[in-house]
Protein backbone atom coordinates (compact mmCIF):
# COMPACT_ATOMS: atom_id res chain seq x y z
CA MET A 1 -3.58 -19.02 15.20
CA ALA A 2 0.14 -18.31 14.69
CA GLU A 3 1.39 -14.59 14.66
CA LYS A 4 2.27 -13.35 10.94
CA LYS A 5 6.14 -12.86 10.75
CA SER A 6 7.13 -9.03 9.84
CA LYS A 7 8.52 -8.51 6.40
CA LEU A 8 10.08 -5.16 5.35
CA ALA A 9 8.91 -4.66 2.09
CA GLU A 10 11.18 -2.63 -0.37
CA ILE A 11 9.53 0.31 -1.45
CA LYS A 12 10.20 2.76 -4.95
CA THR A 13 9.37 5.65 -2.83
CA LYS A 14 12.17 6.81 -0.43
CA PRO A 15 13.48 9.95 0.55
CA THR A 16 15.53 12.14 -1.28
CA SER A 17 18.18 14.62 -0.23
CA VAL A 18 16.70 16.96 -3.14
CA SER A 19 15.59 20.37 -1.90
CA VAL A 20 11.74 20.63 -0.88
CA GLU A 21 12.00 24.52 -1.72
CA ASP A 22 13.82 23.67 -5.31
CA PHE A 23 11.19 21.45 -5.85
CA ILE A 24 8.01 23.62 -4.68
CA ASN A 25 9.63 26.50 -6.94
CA LYS A 26 9.00 24.40 -9.84
CA GLN A 27 5.41 24.39 -9.46
CA ASP A 28 2.63 26.57 -11.36
CA GLU A 29 1.84 29.66 -9.51
CA GLN A 30 -1.26 28.17 -7.68
CA LYS A 31 0.40 25.45 -6.11
CA ARG A 32 3.52 26.85 -5.43
CA LYS A 33 1.73 29.20 -3.19
CA ASP A 34 -0.59 26.64 -1.86
CA SER A 35 2.12 24.57 -1.18
CA PHE A 36 4.68 26.76 1.04
CA VAL A 37 1.23 27.13 3.17
CA LEU A 38 1.00 23.68 3.37
CA LEU A 39 5.08 23.06 3.97
CA GLU A 40 5.04 25.46 6.94
CA MET A 41 1.80 24.69 8.36
CA MET A 42 3.13 20.84 8.34
CA LYS A 43 6.40 22.28 9.68
CA LYS A 44 4.62 23.80 12.74
CA ILE A 45 2.57 20.91 13.54
CA THR A 46 5.23 18.20 13.40
CA GLY A 47 8.13 20.03 14.38
CA GLU A 48 10.09 18.03 11.45
CA GLU A 49 11.84 19.29 8.66
CA PRO A 50 10.32 18.38 5.16
CA VAL A 51 11.78 15.66 3.31
CA LEU A 52 11.29 15.08 -0.36
CA TRP A 53 10.02 11.54 -0.66
CA GLY A 54 10.63 10.35 -4.48
CA SER A 55 10.23 12.87 -7.13
CA SER A 56 7.21 14.72 -5.87
CA ILE A 57 5.89 14.09 -2.13
CA ILE A 58 6.83 15.91 0.53
CA GLY A 59 7.00 14.21 3.79
CA PHE A 60 7.11 15.08 7.68
CA GLY A 61 8.65 12.78 10.21
CA TYR A 62 9.42 9.01 9.43
CA LYS A 63 7.37 5.69 11.14
CA ARG A 64 7.28 1.71 10.06
CA TYR A 65 4.20 0.53 9.78
CA LYS A 66 3.20 -2.97 10.00
CA SER A 67 0.04 -3.98 8.27
CA PRO A 68 -1.83 -6.09 11.21
CA ALA A 69 -3.22 -8.68 8.35
CA SER A 70 -0.20 -9.60 6.52
CA GLY A 71 2.61 -8.60 8.82
CA ARG A 72 4.19 -6.65 6.12
CA GLU A 73 6.20 -3.36 7.20
CA VAL A 74 7.14 -0.29 5.33
CA ASP A 75 8.96 2.82 6.19
CA TRP A 76 6.72 5.85 5.26
CA PHE A 77 6.26 9.37 6.45
CA LYS A 78 4.02 10.48 9.20
CA ILE A 79 2.25 12.83 7.42
CA GLY A 80 3.14 14.96 3.99
CA PHE A 81 1.83 16.27 0.62
CA ALA A 82 2.51 16.12 -2.93
CA PRO A 83 1.43 19.29 -5.54
CA ARG A 84 -0.15 17.31 -8.12
CA LYS A 85 -1.45 18.58 -11.46
CA ALA A 86 -4.89 17.79 -10.94
CA ASN A 87 -4.68 18.61 -6.63
CA LEU A 88 -2.80 18.83 -3.89
CA THR A 89 -2.84 15.53 -2.48
CA VAL A 90 -2.62 15.39 1.50
CA TYR A 91 -1.51 12.48 3.09
CA ILE A 92 -2.90 11.69 6.42
CA ILE A 93 -2.92 7.77 6.43
CA SER A 94 -6.20 7.27 6.92
CA THR A 95 -9.56 9.56 6.84
CA ALA A 96 -10.90 7.41 9.30
CA GLY A 97 -12.44 9.14 12.66
CA HIS A 98 -12.41 12.53 10.47
CA GLU A 99 -16.14 12.13 9.53
CA ASP A 100 -17.25 15.51 11.26
CA ALA A 101 -14.02 17.31 10.44
CA LEU A 102 -14.66 16.26 6.69
CA LYS A 103 -17.76 17.74 6.32
CA LYS A 104 -16.73 21.06 7.84
CA LEU A 105 -13.47 21.24 5.41
CA GLY A 106 -15.23 22.46 2.29
CA LYS A 107 -14.65 21.29 -1.46
CA HIS A 108 -12.35 18.31 -1.56
CA LYS A 109 -12.27 14.74 -1.92
CA THR A 110 -11.30 11.49 -0.51
CA GLY A 111 -9.64 8.27 -1.02
CA GLY A 112 -6.29 6.13 0.21
CA GLY A 113 -6.05 7.74 3.22
CA CYS A 114 -5.74 11.06 1.50
CA LEU A 115 -7.31 14.24 1.03
CA TYR A 116 -7.36 15.91 -2.55
CA ILE A 117 -7.95 19.64 -2.63
CA ASN A 118 -7.86 21.91 -5.73
CA LYS A 119 -6.60 24.81 -3.67
CA LEU A 120 -6.33 25.50 0.15
CA GLU A 121 -8.49 28.65 -0.74
CA ASP A 122 -11.70 26.10 -1.15
CA VAL A 123 -11.18 24.74 2.43
CA GLU A 124 -10.99 26.09 5.98
CA MET A 125 -7.90 26.18 6.91
CA LYS A 126 -8.42 25.56 10.60
CA VAL A 127 -10.77 22.72 9.89
CA LEU A 128 -7.55 21.31 7.86
CA LYS A 129 -5.15 22.21 10.88
CA GLY A 130 -6.98 20.03 13.04
CA ILE A 131 -7.01 17.05 10.68
CA ILE A 132 -3.31 17.15 10.07
CA GLU A 133 -2.48 17.45 14.08
CA LYS A 134 -5.19 14.80 14.74
CA SER A 135 -3.98 12.07 12.42
CA LEU A 136 -0.25 13.14 13.13
CA ASP A 137 -1.15 11.95 16.63
CA ARG A 138 -2.13 9.11 15.49
CA ASN A 139 0.80 8.55 13.53
CA LYS A 140 3.27 9.03 16.39
């Protein structure tokens, strides 16, 4: 079978120059508090400065991902999070391989390579940190 050609997909969500801190400061009190905790944790883990992608996603690092099925490529961050109205969305790209840790994490949901957490006090922070570290290692 012939190898699929690579195609860089143009996506709507792109890095911006908007201040991450200003964005976080516009959130409600609980989301603001939790966002600054995640921000500091991800800065330490990645060694990268945060970038606001689109209007609401805080990403760390940069990587070009390629779909093995379609050959389609997309530029995206390695890990990130978004303070949403309903929850904190933590982008770890894939939940595969985290099954044991997820059982110990606490109250959360998963889907589409994301963790959905209502508030950080609902989860075990050491477990969350381990999941983020392992996800980053996979996304290097």
